[in-house]
N, C-alpha and C. Protein backbone atom coordinates (compact mmCIF):
# COMPACT_ATOMS: atom_id res chain seq x y z
N MET A 1 13.88 -6.88 -11.66
CA MET A 1 13.09 -5.99 -10.84
C MET A 1 13.67 -5.97 -9.43
N GLU A 2 13.80 -4.78 -8.90
CA GLU A 2 14.35 -4.61 -7.56
C GLU A 2 13.23 -4.39 -6.56
N VAL A 3 13.30 -5.06 -5.43
CA VAL A 3 12.29 -4.94 -4.39
C VAL A 3 12.60 -3.72 -3.53
N ASN A 4 11.60 -2.87 -3.34
CA ASN A 4 11.76 -1.68 -2.51
C ASN A 4 11.24 -2.00 -1.11
N TYR A 5 12.16 -2.39 -0.22
CA TYR A 5 11.77 -2.80 1.13
C TYR A 5 11.28 -1.63 1.97
N GLN A 6 11.74 -0.42 1.67
CA GLN A 6 11.25 0.75 2.40
C GLN A 6 9.78 0.99 2.07
N ALA A 7 9.41 0.84 0.79
CA ALA A 7 8.00 1.02 0.40
C ALA A 7 7.13 -0.05 1.05
N ILE A 8 7.62 -1.28 1.11
CA ILE A 8 6.88 -2.37 1.76
C ILE A 8 6.69 -2.04 3.24
N GLY A 9 7.75 -1.59 3.88
CA GLY A 9 7.67 -1.24 5.30
C GLY A 9 6.69 -0.10 5.56
N LYS A 10 6.74 0.92 4.70
CA LYS A 10 5.81 2.05 4.85
C LYS A 10 4.36 1.59 4.71
N ARG A 11 4.13 0.68 3.77
CA ARG A 11 2.78 0.18 3.56
C ARG A 11 2.31 -0.62 4.76
N ILE A 12 3.20 -1.45 5.33
CA ILE A 12 2.85 -2.22 6.53
C ILE A 12 2.49 -1.27 7.66
N ARG A 13 3.32 -0.25 7.84
CA ARG A 13 3.07 0.71 8.92
C ARG A 13 1.74 1.43 8.72
N LYS A 14 1.47 1.84 7.49
CA LYS A 14 0.23 2.55 7.19
C LYS A 14 -0.99 1.68 7.47
N ILE A 15 -0.93 0.42 7.05
CA ILE A 15 -2.04 -0.50 7.30
C ILE A 15 -2.19 -0.75 8.79
N ARG A 16 -1.07 -0.97 9.47
CA ARG A 16 -1.10 -1.23 10.92
C ARG A 16 -1.74 -0.05 11.66
N LYS A 17 -1.31 1.17 11.32
CA LYS A 17 -1.85 2.35 11.99
C LYS A 17 -3.32 2.56 11.66
N SER A 18 -3.71 2.28 10.42
CA SER A 18 -5.11 2.46 10.04
C SER A 18 -6.02 1.51 10.83
N LYS A 19 -5.46 0.39 11.25
CA LYS A 19 -6.23 -0.59 12.03
C LYS A 19 -6.02 -0.40 13.53
N LYS A 20 -5.26 0.66 13.88
CA LYS A 20 -5.00 1.01 15.28
C LYS A 20 -4.37 -0.15 16.07
N ILE A 21 -3.37 -0.77 15.43
CA ILE A 21 -2.63 -1.87 16.06
C ILE A 21 -1.23 -1.35 16.38
N ALA A 22 -0.82 -1.47 17.62
CA ALA A 22 0.51 -1.04 18.03
C ALA A 22 1.56 -2.03 17.52
N GLN A 23 2.78 -1.54 17.37
CA GLN A 23 3.88 -2.43 16.96
C GLN A 23 4.00 -3.59 17.94
N GLU A 24 3.82 -3.31 19.22
CA GLU A 24 3.94 -4.35 20.24
C GLU A 24 2.91 -5.46 20.01
N LYS A 25 1.70 -5.07 19.66
CA LYS A 25 0.64 -6.05 19.42
C LYS A 25 0.93 -6.86 18.15
N LEU A 26 1.40 -6.17 17.10
CA LEU A 26 1.75 -6.88 15.86
C LEU A 26 2.89 -7.85 16.12
N ALA A 27 3.86 -7.44 16.91
CA ALA A 27 4.98 -8.32 17.25
C ALA A 27 4.49 -9.55 18.01
N GLU A 28 3.57 -9.32 18.93
CA GLU A 28 3.02 -10.43 19.72
C GLU A 28 2.26 -11.42 18.82
N ILE A 29 1.44 -10.91 17.93
CA ILE A 29 0.64 -11.77 17.05
C ILE A 29 1.52 -12.57 16.09
N THR A 30 2.55 -11.91 15.56
CA THR A 30 3.40 -12.56 14.55
C THR A 30 4.54 -13.37 15.15
N ASP A 31 4.76 -13.20 16.44
CA ASP A 31 5.85 -13.88 17.13
C ASP A 31 7.22 -13.34 16.71
N TYR A 32 7.25 -12.07 16.32
CA TYR A 32 8.51 -11.37 16.04
C TYR A 32 8.75 -10.38 17.15
N SER A 33 9.98 -9.89 17.27
CA SER A 33 10.27 -8.87 18.27
C SER A 33 9.78 -7.51 17.78
N VAL A 34 9.54 -6.61 18.70
CA VAL A 34 9.15 -5.25 18.35
C VAL A 34 10.24 -4.61 17.50
N THR A 35 11.50 -4.88 17.84
CA THR A 35 12.63 -4.34 17.08
C THR A 35 12.58 -4.83 15.63
N HIS A 36 12.28 -6.11 15.43
CA HIS A 36 12.23 -6.65 14.07
C HIS A 36 11.08 -6.01 13.28
N ILE A 37 9.92 -5.85 13.91
CA ILE A 37 8.79 -5.18 13.25
C ILE A 37 9.19 -3.76 12.89
N SER A 38 9.83 -3.06 13.78
CA SER A 38 10.28 -1.70 13.51
C SER A 38 11.25 -1.66 12.34
N HIS A 39 12.18 -2.60 12.31
CA HIS A 39 13.15 -2.66 11.21
C HIS A 39 12.48 -2.98 9.87
N ILE A 40 11.48 -3.83 9.89
CA ILE A 40 10.73 -4.12 8.66
C ILE A 40 10.01 -2.85 8.19
N GLU A 41 9.38 -2.14 9.12
CA GLU A 41 8.63 -0.94 8.77
C GLU A 41 9.52 0.19 8.25
N THR A 42 10.75 0.24 8.70
CA THR A 42 11.66 1.29 8.21
C THR A 42 12.44 0.84 6.98
N GLY A 43 12.35 -0.43 6.66
CA GLY A 43 13.06 -0.95 5.50
C GLY A 43 14.50 -1.30 5.79
N SER A 44 14.91 -1.21 7.05
CA SER A 44 16.29 -1.55 7.39
C SER A 44 16.49 -3.06 7.51
N ALA A 45 15.38 -3.81 7.56
CA ALA A 45 15.43 -5.27 7.50
C ALA A 45 14.58 -5.70 6.32
N LYS A 46 15.05 -6.68 5.58
CA LYS A 46 14.30 -7.20 4.45
C LYS A 46 13.25 -8.17 4.96
N ALA A 47 12.01 -7.88 4.64
CA ALA A 47 10.91 -8.74 5.07
C ALA A 47 10.92 -10.02 4.24
N SER A 48 10.98 -11.15 4.91
CA SER A 48 10.94 -12.44 4.22
C SER A 48 9.52 -12.71 3.75
N ILE A 49 9.37 -13.69 2.89
CA ILE A 49 8.03 -14.09 2.45
C ILE A 49 7.22 -14.54 3.66
N GLU A 50 7.85 -15.29 4.54
CA GLU A 50 7.15 -15.74 5.75
C GLU A 50 6.68 -14.55 6.57
N ALA A 51 7.53 -13.54 6.73
CA ALA A 51 7.16 -12.36 7.52
C ALA A 51 6.00 -11.62 6.87
N ILE A 52 6.04 -11.47 5.56
CA ILE A 52 4.96 -10.78 4.85
C ILE A 52 3.65 -11.53 5.02
N LEU A 53 3.70 -12.85 4.94
CA LEU A 53 2.49 -13.66 5.12
C LEU A 53 1.95 -13.54 6.55
N LYS A 54 2.84 -13.60 7.54
CA LYS A 54 2.41 -13.48 8.94
C LYS A 54 1.84 -12.10 9.22
N VAL A 55 2.52 -11.07 8.74
CA VAL A 55 2.09 -9.70 8.98
C VAL A 55 0.75 -9.43 8.30
N SER A 56 0.61 -9.87 7.05
CA SER A 56 -0.65 -9.63 6.35
C SER A 56 -1.80 -10.35 7.05
N ALA A 57 -1.58 -11.56 7.52
CA ALA A 57 -2.62 -12.28 8.25
C ALA A 57 -2.97 -11.55 9.55
N ALA A 58 -1.96 -11.08 10.25
CA ALA A 58 -2.18 -10.37 11.51
C ALA A 58 -2.92 -9.05 11.30
N LEU A 59 -2.68 -8.41 10.17
CA LEU A 59 -3.32 -7.13 9.88
C LEU A 59 -4.65 -7.28 9.15
N GLY A 60 -5.00 -8.51 8.80
CA GLY A 60 -6.26 -8.74 8.11
C GLY A 60 -6.28 -8.16 6.71
N CYS A 61 -5.14 -8.23 6.04
CA CYS A 61 -5.05 -7.75 4.66
C CYS A 61 -4.41 -8.85 3.82
N THR A 62 -4.29 -8.61 2.54
CA THR A 62 -3.66 -9.61 1.69
C THR A 62 -2.18 -9.26 1.50
N PRO A 63 -1.36 -10.24 1.15
CA PRO A 63 0.03 -9.93 0.81
C PRO A 63 0.11 -8.91 -0.33
N ASN A 64 -0.86 -8.96 -1.26
CA ASN A 64 -0.88 -7.99 -2.36
C ASN A 64 -0.98 -6.56 -1.84
N ASP A 65 -1.74 -6.36 -0.76
CA ASP A 65 -1.87 -5.02 -0.19
C ASP A 65 -0.51 -4.50 0.28
N ILE A 66 0.33 -5.40 0.73
CA ILE A 66 1.66 -5.03 1.23
C ILE A 66 2.66 -4.90 0.09
N LEU A 67 2.55 -5.76 -0.90
CA LEU A 67 3.54 -5.83 -1.98
C LEU A 67 3.18 -5.05 -3.23
N CYS A 68 2.03 -4.41 -3.28
CA CYS A 68 1.50 -3.90 -4.55
C CYS A 68 2.47 -3.04 -5.35
N ASP A 69 3.28 -2.20 -4.73
CA ASP A 69 4.24 -1.40 -5.50
C ASP A 69 5.41 -2.23 -6.00
N SER A 70 5.60 -3.40 -5.42
CA SER A 70 6.74 -4.24 -5.79
C SER A 70 6.35 -5.34 -6.77
N MET A 71 5.10 -5.32 -7.21
CA MET A 71 4.62 -6.40 -8.09
C MET A 71 4.32 -5.85 -9.48
N ALA A 72 4.62 -6.66 -10.44
CA ALA A 72 4.15 -6.35 -11.78
C ALA A 72 2.66 -6.69 -11.80
N GLY A 73 1.88 -5.93 -12.50
CA GLY A 73 0.45 -6.21 -12.59
C GLY A 73 -0.32 -5.91 -11.32
N ALA A 74 0.06 -4.86 -10.61
CA ALA A 74 -0.62 -4.50 -9.37
C ALA A 74 -1.84 -3.62 -9.62
N LYS A 75 -2.20 -3.43 -10.86
CA LYS A 75 -3.30 -2.54 -11.22
C LYS A 75 -4.58 -2.88 -10.47
N GLU A 76 -4.92 -4.16 -10.40
CA GLU A 76 -6.16 -4.57 -9.73
C GLU A 76 -6.16 -4.18 -8.25
N THR A 77 -5.02 -4.34 -7.60
CA THR A 77 -4.91 -3.97 -6.18
C THR A 77 -5.16 -2.48 -6.01
N PHE A 78 -4.55 -1.66 -6.87
CA PHE A 78 -4.74 -0.22 -6.76
C PHE A 78 -6.18 0.18 -7.08
N LEU A 79 -6.79 -0.46 -8.07
CA LEU A 79 -8.18 -0.16 -8.39
C LEU A 79 -9.09 -0.50 -7.22
N ASN A 80 -8.81 -1.61 -6.54
CA ASN A 80 -9.60 -1.99 -5.36
C ASN A 80 -9.44 -0.97 -4.24
N GLN A 81 -8.21 -0.49 -4.05
CA GLN A 81 -7.97 0.51 -3.01
C GLN A 81 -8.72 1.80 -3.31
N ILE A 82 -8.71 2.21 -4.57
CA ILE A 82 -9.44 3.43 -4.97
C ILE A 82 -10.93 3.24 -4.73
N THR A 83 -11.46 2.10 -5.13
CA THR A 83 -12.89 1.81 -4.95
C THR A 83 -13.28 1.86 -3.48
N GLU A 84 -12.45 1.29 -2.61
CA GLU A 84 -12.73 1.29 -1.17
C GLU A 84 -12.81 2.71 -0.63
N LYS A 85 -11.95 3.60 -1.15
CA LYS A 85 -11.95 4.98 -0.68
C LYS A 85 -13.18 5.75 -1.14
N LEU A 86 -13.83 5.31 -2.22
CA LEU A 86 -14.95 6.04 -2.80
C LEU A 86 -16.32 5.56 -2.32
N VAL A 87 -16.36 4.44 -1.63
CA VAL A 87 -17.63 3.82 -1.25
C VAL A 87 -18.55 4.77 -0.48
N ASP A 88 -18.01 5.56 0.42
CA ASP A 88 -18.87 6.41 1.26
C ASP A 88 -19.03 7.83 0.72
N CYS A 89 -18.60 8.07 -0.52
CA CYS A 89 -18.72 9.41 -1.12
C CYS A 89 -20.14 9.69 -1.59
N THR A 90 -20.49 10.97 -1.53
CA THR A 90 -21.78 11.39 -2.08
C THR A 90 -21.66 11.47 -3.60
N GLU A 91 -22.80 11.62 -4.26
CA GLU A 91 -22.78 11.75 -5.72
C GLU A 91 -21.97 12.98 -6.14
N PHE A 92 -22.13 14.07 -5.42
CA PHE A 92 -21.37 15.29 -5.73
C PHE A 92 -19.86 15.04 -5.60
N GLU A 93 -19.46 14.39 -4.51
CA GLU A 93 -18.03 14.10 -4.31
C GLU A 93 -17.49 13.21 -5.42
N ILE A 94 -18.26 12.22 -5.83
CA ILE A 94 -17.83 11.33 -6.92
C ILE A 94 -17.64 12.12 -8.21
N ARG A 95 -18.54 13.05 -8.49
CA ARG A 95 -18.42 13.86 -9.71
C ARG A 95 -17.15 14.72 -9.69
N VAL A 96 -16.87 15.32 -8.55
CA VAL A 96 -15.67 16.15 -8.42
C VAL A 96 -14.42 15.28 -8.55
N ILE A 97 -14.41 14.15 -7.88
CA ILE A 97 -13.27 13.24 -7.96
C ILE A 97 -13.08 12.75 -9.39
N SER A 98 -14.16 12.46 -10.08
CA SER A 98 -14.09 12.05 -11.48
C SER A 98 -13.45 13.15 -12.34
N ASP A 99 -13.84 14.39 -12.11
CA ASP A 99 -13.24 15.52 -12.84
C ASP A 99 -11.74 15.61 -12.58
N VAL A 100 -11.35 15.44 -11.33
CA VAL A 100 -9.93 15.51 -10.96
C VAL A 100 -9.16 14.37 -11.62
N VAL A 101 -9.72 13.17 -11.60
CA VAL A 101 -9.07 12.01 -12.22
C VAL A 101 -8.90 12.24 -13.71
N ASN A 102 -9.96 12.73 -14.36
CA ASN A 102 -9.87 12.97 -15.81
C ASN A 102 -8.82 14.02 -16.14
N ALA A 103 -8.77 15.10 -15.37
CA ALA A 103 -7.78 16.15 -15.61
C ALA A 103 -6.36 15.63 -15.35
N THR A 104 -6.19 14.85 -14.30
CA THR A 104 -4.88 14.29 -13.97
C THR A 104 -4.42 13.33 -15.07
N LYS A 105 -5.32 12.48 -15.50
CA LYS A 105 -5.00 11.51 -16.56
C LYS A 105 -4.59 12.23 -17.84
N GLN A 106 -5.35 13.25 -18.21
CA GLN A 106 -5.03 14.02 -19.42
C GLN A 106 -3.67 14.70 -19.29
N SER A 107 -3.39 15.27 -18.13
CA SER A 107 -2.11 15.94 -17.90
C SER A 107 -0.95 14.95 -17.95
N LEU A 108 -1.12 13.81 -17.32
CA LEU A 108 -0.06 12.78 -17.33
C LEU A 108 0.24 12.31 -18.75
N ARG A 109 -0.81 12.06 -19.50
CA ARG A 109 -0.61 11.56 -20.87
C ARG A 109 0.01 12.62 -21.78
N SER A 110 -0.36 13.88 -21.60
CA SER A 110 0.24 14.92 -22.45
C SER A 110 1.71 15.13 -22.09
N ARG A 111 2.04 15.03 -20.82
CA ARG A 111 3.44 15.18 -20.40
C ARG A 111 4.27 13.99 -20.84
N LYS A 112 3.68 12.81 -20.78
CA LYS A 112 4.37 11.59 -21.22
C LYS A 112 4.73 11.71 -22.70
N ASN A 113 3.77 12.15 -23.50
CA ASN A 113 4.02 12.33 -24.92
C ASN A 113 5.09 13.40 -25.17
N PHE A 114 5.09 14.45 -24.37
CA PHE A 114 6.07 15.51 -24.50
C PHE A 114 7.49 14.99 -24.25
N PHE A 115 7.63 14.18 -23.20
CA PHE A 115 8.95 13.68 -22.82
C PHE A 115 9.42 12.54 -23.73
N GLU A 116 8.48 11.85 -24.38
CA GLU A 116 8.86 10.76 -25.29
C GLU A 116 9.39 11.29 -26.62
N ASN A 117 9.00 12.50 -26.99
CA ASN A 117 9.43 13.07 -28.28
C ASN A 117 10.65 13.89 -28.17
């Protein structure tokens, strides 16, 4: 399995921005330089295990939140992320989202079967 450092960096940046934390502040908390944080976020530097642990602690998330695309068995992490996004939805919104999910799932499975044959 190959680690996608660009995907990890994008996820770190997305989480950081969602929490309204500047790169400078993240660098200060983690004791890394702003340049190093920037390089991690762009994927031009490989984030070490130590860096991922420090960054996740600083951002108040789990390492799984950062690594989920790079892990086998990340299904639970993605299900948790979906659930978090749906918590504030109305019943009507949930019904529409459910319809979209069902249609997407059906389309994906029919295309998968098409390409496998």
